[in-house]
Amino acid sequence: MSKRYVYVKKRYILFFSIIDFFGFLLCRLVSCFKKPAIDTDVKKIVVVELAHIGDVLAITPALHLLKKNFPQSFLAVIVSPWARDVLSGNPDIDEILVYRASWFDRETKKSFSFHETKTFLKLIRAENFDIGIDLRGDARTILLMWLGRIKKRIGYAYAGAGFLLTDIVPFDVVSRQKKHQIAHHMAFVEALGKKSAAVAGDRQMKIFFDEQDRKYAQALLQANAITTNDVLVMVHPGSGIPAKCWPLERFAQLIEYIVNTQAVKVIVVGSPEEQALVAQLRSFTRAHFIDAIGQTTIKQLAALASYSRLFIGGDSGLMHIASALNVPIIAIWGGHNEPEYWRPMSEGVTVLHKAISCGPCGLAVCRHLSCLKNISVDEVARAVSRYITGIR
C-alpha cells in the first residue's frame, strides 16, 4: 500500500487509500472515466503549479515543450501570487492566472478562503479549458481542476484523488528521487499523445527580466561601490524549509574566508522574511558583505544574479534562479531530498552532499541536521577557491 503513495505517515496513506477506493468505485458507477476526445487541435491548455519559486521555475522547460508541440494552442498557467513574476514575460505563456494556495502560503500565512476559491473557480469555468495539467500530483490541485470543470485532467495519482483525473500518468514512487523533477515534468507532454524530442537545452529553466530590473540591479551595485572589475559572489543563507539550511555561523565563517582570502565582493540575498538573518550573520563575523536581503523583487534579484560570478547556498528558489541564468553554483545540499531529484541542471554546478542513513527524509524541520553539519566550512571554502582560481 505504501508504495502507491508518496506519503510517509501511515495515517495519510490510510486516509487516501479509503478516499481513492470509494472515489474510483463511485466514478465507475457514474461513468466518470469517459475520456473526452482530444486531438491535435487543442484550443486551450492550463498548467497548474501552486507551490514556490523553485517549483514554478522547474516547470518552464515543460511549458516550452508544450508550446512547441501545440503552437496554435492557448497556454495558461495557474500559480500562487508569490510566484507570478517567475513566469511573467515568458514568451511561451499566453496568460498567467493567480490563486493563493493557502497550504503553500509562507508570506501572509492566511488560512483557506472559501470566497477566494469560489471566485477563482468561477474564473476557471469561464475560461473553458480543454486540458488541465497538475504537475505535483497534489489532491487539492486535482480537486480544483475538477471543480473548475476542465474537460481533460492529466496528472499523477501518487498523493490521492486520482479518481478525479481523466488521465493518470504512471509513476514509480519507489524510484521517484532517482530522476530529476524536470524529467518527471516532461512525462506530462508525452501524456498528451505527442512525443517531444527533448534535447539537453530544452531542460534549461528560464526566467525573464526587463531593462528596468537591470537598471535597479546596476544602481544597487553602484551604491555599494561594485564595479565591472569586481568578482561578485552571491550568497543565500536561507531557504523556505529550515531543514535545508546550512548552519548560519558556518555561512559567516565562509563569508569571512571569501572576503579575506579571495579578494572578491560578497552580496547576501534573500526574501523579506529572511531579513533577520543579516543581524545574525553580523554577530558571527566582522567581514564586510553587501546586504540585499528583502531589497529586490524576484525579477530584480534575477537581474542582480546575472552580474554574479558565483552563487553559494542551499536548495532554494534563489538557487534555481541562479541556475536559470547559468550562474555557476556551489550547492550545499542536505538530506531533505536527493541531489539527483532537485539539483541545478545548468553547467558549472558543484553539489556538496553527505548521504546519511535517515535521508532523504522530506522533513521541514530536523532536530540534528547531521546531513548539513557533516559539510565543513573548509570543504565549501576549497570549492570556492578552486572556482575563483579557475576564472582568474
Protein backbone atom coordinates (compact mmCIF):
# COMPACT_ATOMS: atom_id res chain seq x y z
CA MET A 1 0.00 0.00 0.00
CA SER A 2 2.76 2.47 0.94
CA LYS A 3 4.41 2.17 -2.50
CA ARG A 4 1.32 3.65 -4.11
CA TYR A 5 1.66 6.99 -2.34
CA VAL A 6 4.49 9.42 -1.63
CA TYR A 7 3.35 9.88 1.96
CA VAL A 8 5.48 8.65 4.84
CA LYS A 9 2.92 8.94 7.62
CA LYS A 10 0.62 5.94 7.79
CA ARG A 11 -2.47 7.98 8.61
CA TYR A 12 -2.19 9.83 5.28
CA ILE A 13 -1.70 6.59 3.39
CA LEU A 14 -4.76 5.07 5.08
CA PHE A 15 -6.87 8.20 4.54
CA PHE A 16 -6.19 8.47 0.81
CA SER A 17 -6.46 4.72 0.31
CA ILE A 18 -10.02 4.87 1.65
CA ILE A 19 -10.87 8.06 -0.28
CA ASP A 20 -9.48 6.68 -3.52
CA PHE A 21 -11.17 3.29 -3.13
CA PHE A 22 -14.63 4.82 -2.82
CA GLY A 23 -13.82 7.58 -5.30
CA PHE A 24 -12.78 5.18 -8.07
CA LEU A 25 -15.77 2.96 -7.29
CA LEU A 26 -18.22 5.86 -7.49
CA CYS A 27 -16.67 7.16 -10.71
CA ARG A 28 -17.06 3.76 -12.37
CA LEU A 29 -20.69 3.62 -11.33
CA VAL A 30 -21.44 7.03 -12.83
CA SER A 31 -19.08 6.64 -15.81
CA CYS A 32 -16.80 9.50 -14.79
CA PHE A 33 -13.97 7.87 -16.65
CA LYS A 34 -15.34 8.54 -20.11
CA LYS A 35 -12.47 10.49 -21.62
CA PRO A 36 -13.19 13.48 -23.83
CA ALA A 37 -11.73 13.24 -27.31
CA ILE A 38 -8.72 15.50 -27.52
CA ASP A 39 -6.95 15.81 -30.88
CA THR A 40 -4.12 17.98 -32.11
CA ASP A 41 -6.46 20.99 -32.41
CA VAL A 42 -6.48 21.65 -28.67
CA LYS A 43 -7.58 25.23 -28.17
CA LYS A 44 -6.79 25.92 -24.50
CA ILE A 45 -4.32 24.26 -22.10
CA VAL A 46 -3.73 25.19 -18.49
CA VAL A 47 -0.84 24.01 -16.29
CA VAL A 48 -1.17 24.25 -12.51
CA GLU A 49 1.78 24.75 -10.14
CA LEU A 50 0.76 26.45 -6.91
CA ALA A 51 3.91 25.96 -4.85
CA HIS A 52 7.07 28.02 -4.56
CA ILE A 53 9.63 29.82 -6.74
CA GLY A 54 11.83 26.80 -7.45
CA ASP A 55 8.85 24.59 -8.20
CA VAL A 56 7.48 27.10 -10.69
CA LEU A 57 10.86 27.62 -12.35
CA ALA A 58 11.12 23.86 -12.80
CA ILE A 59 8.01 23.75 -14.98
CA THR A 60 9.37 26.23 -17.54
CA PRO A 61 11.06 23.53 -19.69
CA ALA A 62 7.77 21.60 -19.83
CA LEU A 63 5.91 24.77 -20.77
CA HIS A 64 8.36 25.36 -23.60
CA LEU A 65 7.85 21.82 -24.92
CA LEU A 66 4.09 22.12 -24.64
CA LYS A 67 4.17 25.29 -26.69
CA LYS A 68 6.39 23.62 -29.29
CA ASN A 69 4.02 20.64 -29.56
CA PHE A 70 0.86 22.74 -29.55
CA PRO A 71 1.95 26.03 -31.15
CA GLN A 72 -1.60 27.06 -32.05
CA SER A 73 -2.98 26.37 -28.58
CA PHE A 74 -3.59 28.99 -25.91
CA LEU A 75 -1.32 28.13 -22.94
CA ALA A 76 -2.21 29.41 -19.47
CA VAL A 77 -0.55 28.74 -16.14
CA ILE A 78 -2.05 28.94 -12.65
CA VAL A 79 0.39 29.97 -9.91
CA SER A 80 0.22 31.44 -6.43
CA PRO A 81 0.74 35.23 -6.16
CA TRP A 82 4.27 34.99 -4.73
CA ALA A 83 5.46 33.12 -7.86
CA ARG A 84 3.73 35.17 -10.57
CA ASP A 85 6.86 37.14 -11.50
CA VAL A 86 8.76 33.92 -12.06
CA LEU A 87 6.72 33.46 -15.24
CA SER A 88 5.77 36.96 -16.34
CA GLY A 89 7.47 37.88 -19.59
CA ASN A 90 7.88 34.23 -20.61
CA PRO A 91 7.07 34.06 -24.36
CA ASP A 92 5.73 30.50 -24.07
CA ILE A 93 2.83 31.64 -21.84
CA ASP A 94 -0.31 33.37 -23.08
CA GLU A 95 -1.92 34.01 -19.70
CA ILE A 96 -0.99 33.79 -16.02
CA LEU A 97 -3.82 33.15 -13.58
CA VAL A 98 -3.35 33.56 -9.84
CA TYR A 99 -4.81 31.56 -6.97
CA ARG A 100 -3.46 31.80 -3.43
CA ALA A 101 -2.93 28.23 -2.28
CA SER A 102 -3.15 28.77 1.47
CA TRP A 103 -1.37 25.47 2.18
CA PHE A 104 1.77 26.84 0.49
CA ASP A 105 1.49 30.41 1.78
CA ARG A 106 4.68 31.32 3.66
CA GLU A 107 4.18 35.06 3.23
CA THR A 108 0.77 36.07 4.58
CA LYS A 109 0.09 32.74 6.32
CA LYS A 110 -3.62 33.39 5.84
CA SER A 111 -5.99 30.49 6.24
CA PHE A 112 -8.04 28.94 3.45
CA SER A 113 -10.61 31.30 1.97
CA PHE A 114 -13.89 29.97 0.56
CA HIS A 115 -14.54 33.36 -1.04
CA GLU A 116 -11.19 33.40 -2.86
CA THR A 117 -11.73 29.83 -4.02
CA LYS A 118 -15.28 30.44 -5.20
CA THR A 119 -14.16 33.49 -7.21
CA PHE A 120 -11.24 31.56 -8.68
CA LEU A 121 -13.39 28.59 -9.72
CA LYS A 122 -15.86 30.94 -11.43
CA LEU A 123 -12.96 32.38 -13.41
CA ILE A 124 -11.61 28.95 -14.40
CA ARG A 125 -15.01 27.72 -15.54
CA ALA A 126 -15.39 30.79 -17.74
CA GLU A 127 -12.02 30.04 -19.38
CA ASN A 128 -13.40 26.72 -20.68
CA PHE A 129 -10.05 24.90 -20.78
CA ASP A 130 -9.70 21.74 -22.88
CA ILE A 131 -6.77 20.30 -20.92
CA GLY A 132 -5.58 20.81 -17.36
CA ILE A 133 -2.22 19.52 -16.15
CA ASP A 134 -1.33 19.10 -12.48
CA LEU A 135 2.44 18.88 -12.15
CA ARG A 136 2.53 17.99 -8.46
CA GLY A 137 0.19 15.04 -8.08
CA ASP A 138 -1.50 17.17 -5.42
CA ALA A 139 -5.00 16.06 -4.39
CA ARG A 140 -6.01 19.68 -3.71
CA THR A 141 -4.92 20.81 -7.17
CA ILE A 142 -6.70 17.87 -8.79
CA LEU A 143 -9.87 18.80 -6.91
CA LEU A 144 -9.59 22.41 -8.12
CA MET A 145 -9.27 21.26 -11.74
CA TRP A 146 -12.33 19.04 -11.35
CA LEU A 147 -14.37 21.77 -9.68
CA GLY A 148 -13.19 24.15 -12.42
CA ARG A 149 -14.81 21.81 -14.98
CA ILE A 150 -11.68 21.34 -17.04
CA LYS A 151 -12.53 18.73 -19.65
CA LYS A 152 -9.36 16.64 -19.70
CA ARG A 153 -7.42 16.49 -16.44
CA ILE A 154 -3.94 14.94 -16.51
CA GLY A 155 -1.76 14.26 -13.50
CA TYR A 156 -0.14 11.83 -11.09
CA ALA A 157 -2.19 9.88 -8.56
CA TYR A 158 0.56 9.30 -6.00
CA ALA A 159 -0.86 11.78 -3.49
CA GLY A 160 -4.53 10.79 -3.81
CA ALA A 161 -7.64 11.93 -5.70
CA GLY A 162 -6.59 10.15 -8.88
CA PHE A 163 -10.22 9.23 -9.48
CA LEU A 164 -10.85 12.89 -10.40
CA LEU A 165 -8.33 12.71 -13.26
CA THR A 166 -9.29 11.65 -16.76
CA ASP A 167 -5.70 10.56 -17.46
CA ILE A 168 -3.32 9.24 -14.81
CA VAL A 169 0.38 9.45 -15.68
CA PRO A 170 2.19 6.29 -14.46
CA PHE A 171 4.69 6.95 -11.70
CA ASP A 172 7.21 4.81 -9.82
CA VAL A 173 7.02 6.13 -6.26
CA VAL A 174 9.92 3.98 -5.04
CA SER A 175 12.45 5.42 -7.52
CA ARG A 176 10.94 8.91 -7.56
CA GLN A 177 14.09 10.72 -6.44
CA LYS A 178 16.41 8.90 -8.84
CA LYS A 179 15.07 11.01 -11.70
CA HIS A 180 15.17 14.80 -11.87
CA GLN A 181 11.97 16.74 -11.25
CA ILE A 182 12.25 18.40 -14.65
CA ALA A 183 12.45 14.98 -16.32
CA HIS A 184 9.26 13.98 -14.48
CA HIS A 185 7.55 17.08 -15.87
CA MET A 186 8.44 16.07 -19.41
CA ALA A 187 6.27 12.97 -18.96
CA PHE A 188 3.23 15.20 -18.98
CA VAL A 189 4.00 16.34 -22.50
CA GLU A 190 4.17 12.72 -23.64
CA ALA A 191 0.89 12.00 -21.83
CA LEU A 192 -0.83 14.36 -24.25
CA GLY A 193 -0.11 11.94 -27.08
CA LYS A 194 2.60 13.95 -28.83
CA LYS A 195 6.19 12.90 -28.34
CA SER A 196 8.63 15.72 -27.73
CA ALA A 197 12.15 15.23 -28.98
CA ALA A 198 13.59 16.87 -25.89
CA VAL A 199 17.26 17.77 -26.02
CA ALA A 200 19.51 18.97 -23.23
CA GLY A 201 18.76 22.61 -23.98
CA ASP A 202 15.04 22.02 -23.56
CA ARG A 203 15.61 21.26 -19.86
CA GLN A 204 17.07 24.67 -19.06
CA MET A 205 14.86 26.66 -16.70
CA LYS A 206 14.01 30.18 -17.82
CA ILE A 207 13.30 33.48 -16.11
CA PHE A 208 12.97 36.88 -17.80
CA PHE A 209 13.56 40.43 -16.61
CA ASP A 210 13.49 43.80 -18.33
CA GLU A 211 15.72 46.84 -18.62
CA GLN A 212 14.20 48.48 -15.54
CA ASP A 213 15.13 45.44 -13.46
CA ARG A 214 18.66 45.57 -14.87
CA LYS A 215 18.97 49.27 -14.06
CA TYR A 216 17.81 48.62 -10.49
CA ALA A 217 20.47 45.95 -10.07
CA GLN A 218 23.14 48.23 -11.53
CA ALA A 219 22.12 51.06 -9.19
CA LEU A 220 22.26 48.76 -6.15
CA LEU A 221 25.74 47.59 -7.10
CA GLN A 222 26.98 51.11 -7.82
CA ALA A 223 25.64 52.30 -4.46
CA ASN A 224 27.86 49.67 -2.86
CA ALA A 225 30.92 50.57 -4.94
CA ILE A 226 30.80 47.40 -7.03
CA THR A 227 32.35 47.82 -10.48
CA THR A 228 32.56 45.59 -13.53
CA ASN A 229 36.12 44.72 -12.49
CA ASP A 230 34.94 43.15 -9.23
CA VAL A 231 34.23 39.44 -8.85
CA LEU A 232 30.80 39.32 -7.23
CA VAL A 233 29.80 36.26 -5.21
CA MET A 234 26.14 35.89 -4.29
CA VAL A 235 25.33 34.08 -1.04
CA HIS A 236 21.89 32.93 0.08
CA PRO A 237 21.98 31.53 3.63
CA GLY A 238 18.26 30.80 3.84
CA SER A 239 15.58 28.53 2.44
CA GLY A 240 11.83 28.19 2.74
CA ILE A 241 12.46 24.88 4.53
CA PRO A 242 14.64 25.06 7.69
CA ALA A 243 15.92 21.51 7.18
CA LYS A 244 17.68 22.70 4.00
CA CYS A 245 19.69 25.42 5.77
CA TRP A 246 23.40 25.05 6.49
CA PRO A 247 24.18 26.48 9.96
CA LEU A 248 24.30 30.27 9.82
CA GLU A 249 27.56 30.55 11.75
CA ARG A 250 29.19 28.45 9.03
CA PHE A 251 27.96 30.82 6.36
CA ALA A 252 29.52 33.64 8.40
CA GLN A 253 32.86 31.79 8.56
CA LEU A 254 32.67 31.12 4.82
CA ILE A 255 31.99 34.79 4.03
CA GLU A 256 34.94 35.75 6.21
CA TYR A 257 37.17 33.34 4.32
CA ILE A 258 35.98 34.54 0.92
CA VAL A 259 36.40 38.24 1.73
CA ASN A 260 39.77 37.88 3.43
CA THR A 261 41.49 35.42 1.08
CA GLN A 262 39.84 35.61 -2.33
CA ALA A 263 39.68 39.36 -2.98
CA VAL A 264 36.07 39.21 -4.11
CA LYS A 265 32.91 41.06 -3.11
CA VAL A 266 30.08 39.21 -1.38
CA ILE A 267 26.40 40.09 -1.64
CA VAL A 268 23.92 38.33 0.64
CA VAL A 269 20.42 37.90 -0.76
CA GLY A 270 17.11 36.55 0.45
CA SER A 271 13.41 37.18 0.80
CA PRO A 272 11.88 39.89 3.04
CA GLU A 273 11.00 37.13 5.53
CA GLU A 274 14.73 36.39 5.90
CA GLN A 275 15.88 39.89 6.91
CA ALA A 276 16.63 38.75 10.47
CA LEU A 277 19.46 36.64 9.07
CA VAL A 278 21.59 39.74 8.45
CA ALA A 279 21.90 40.67 12.12
CA GLN A 280 22.71 37.09 12.97
CA LEU A 281 25.40 36.92 10.29
CA ARG A 282 26.95 40.16 11.53
CA SER A 283 27.03 38.77 15.06
CA PHE A 284 29.25 35.93 13.80
CA THR A 285 31.65 37.90 11.56
CA ARG A 286 33.07 41.37 11.01
CA ALA A 287 33.81 40.65 7.37
CA HIS A 288 32.21 43.15 5.02
CA PHE A 289 29.35 42.00 2.83
CA ILE A 290 26.56 43.77 0.97
CA ASP A 291 23.13 43.24 2.48
CA ALA A 292 20.47 42.90 -0.24
CA ILE A 293 18.07 40.67 1.68
CA GLY A 294 14.49 41.78 1.07
CA GLN A 295 15.59 44.66 -1.18
CA THR A 296 14.62 43.18 -4.53
CA THR A 297 11.65 41.76 -6.35
CA ILE A 298 12.04 38.36 -7.98
CA LYS A 299 12.97 39.94 -11.31
CA GLN A 300 15.35 42.46 -9.75
CA LEU A 301 17.01 39.58 -7.95
CA ALA A 302 17.36 37.73 -11.25
CA ALA A 303 18.96 40.83 -12.78
CA LEU A 304 21.31 41.07 -9.80
CA ALA A 305 22.22 37.39 -10.15
CA SER A 306 23.15 37.99 -13.78
CA TYR A 307 26.05 40.16 -12.56
CA SER A 308 27.30 37.48 -10.16
CA ARG A 309 30.18 35.16 -11.00
CA LEU A 310 29.21 32.55 -8.40
CA PHE A 311 26.19 31.61 -6.28
CA ILE A 312 26.57 29.81 -2.93
CA GLY A 313 23.61 28.43 -0.99
CA GLY A 314 21.33 25.54 -0.25
CA ASP A 315 18.36 24.12 -2.12
CA SER A 316 16.10 27.15 -2.57
CA GLY A 317 14.18 29.12 -5.15
CA LEU A 318 17.02 31.64 -5.32
CA MET A 319 19.47 28.87 -6.22
CA HIS A 320 17.17 27.86 -9.09
CA ILE A 321 17.00 31.48 -10.28
CA ALA A 322 20.81 31.42 -10.48
CA SER A 323 20.62 28.14 -12.38
CA ALA A 324 18.09 29.58 -14.84
CA LEU A 325 20.63 32.31 -15.62
CA ASN A 326 23.54 29.86 -15.91
CA VAL A 327 25.37 31.38 -12.95
CA PRO A 328 27.93 28.86 -11.58
CA ILE A 329 26.70 27.36 -8.31
CA ILE A 330 28.12 25.75 -5.21
CA ALA A 331 25.11 23.97 -3.72
CA ILE A 332 25.30 22.97 -0.05
CA TRP A 333 22.88 20.05 -0.12
CA GLY A 334 21.21 18.44 2.87
CA GLY A 335 19.18 15.27 3.24
CA HIS A 336 15.71 16.67 2.59
CA ASN A 337 15.80 15.17 -0.90
CA GLU A 338 18.31 13.53 -3.22
CA PRO A 339 20.52 15.80 -5.35
CA GLU A 340 19.53 13.78 -8.42
CA TYR A 341 15.94 14.86 -7.84
CA TRP A 342 16.33 18.64 -7.49
CA ARG A 343 19.93 19.69 -8.19
CA PRO A 344 20.53 22.55 -10.65
CA MET A 345 20.80 21.20 -14.19
CA SER A 346 22.80 24.12 -15.55
CA GLU A 347 26.54 23.97 -16.21
CA GLY A 348 29.21 24.84 -13.65
CA VAL A 349 27.43 23.33 -10.65
CA THR A 350 29.24 21.78 -7.68
CA VAL A 351 26.98 19.88 -5.28
CA LEU A 352 28.36 19.24 -1.79
CA HIS A 353 26.32 16.46 -0.21
CA LYS A 354 26.84 13.87 2.51
CA ALA A 355 24.48 10.92 2.35
CA ILE A 356 23.30 9.64 5.72
CA SER A 357 21.02 6.79 6.74
CA CYS A 358 17.96 8.95 7.53
CA GLY A 359 17.91 10.71 4.15
CA PRO A 360 16.14 11.61 2.04
CA CYS A 361 13.72 12.48 4.82
CA GLY A 362 11.41 15.13 3.35
CA LEU A 363 11.27 16.81 6.77
CA ALA A 364 10.70 20.55 7.06
CA VAL A 365 12.48 20.70 10.43
CA CYS A 366 15.24 18.38 11.65
CA ARG A 367 16.39 18.01 15.25
CA HIS A 368 20.02 17.14 14.47
CA LEU A 369 20.69 18.34 10.89
CA SER A 370 23.61 15.89 10.64
CA CYS A 371 23.50 15.83 6.83
CA LEU A 372 24.38 19.53 6.64
CA LYS A 373 26.62 19.68 9.69
CA ASN A 374 28.76 16.99 8.06
CA ILE A 375 29.65 19.53 5.36
CA SER A 376 32.51 21.58 6.80
CA VAL A 377 33.41 25.21 6.14
CA ASP A 378 36.78 24.04 4.83
CA GLU A 379 35.11 21.80 2.26
CA VAL A 380 32.99 24.64 0.91
CA ALA A 381 35.93 27.04 1.06
CA ARG A 382 38.06 24.68 -1.05
CA ALA A 383 35.29 24.51 -3.67
CA VAL A 384 35.11 28.32 -3.73
CA SER A 385 38.88 28.63 -4.01
CA ARG A 386 39.01 26.18 -6.93
CA TYR A 387 36.35 28.13 -8.78
CA ILE A 388 37.82 31.60 -8.13
CA THR A 389 41.28 30.39 -9.17
CA GLY A 390 39.79 28.97 -12.35
CA ILE A 391 38.28 32.27 -13.51
CA ARG A 392 41.37 34.40 -12.88
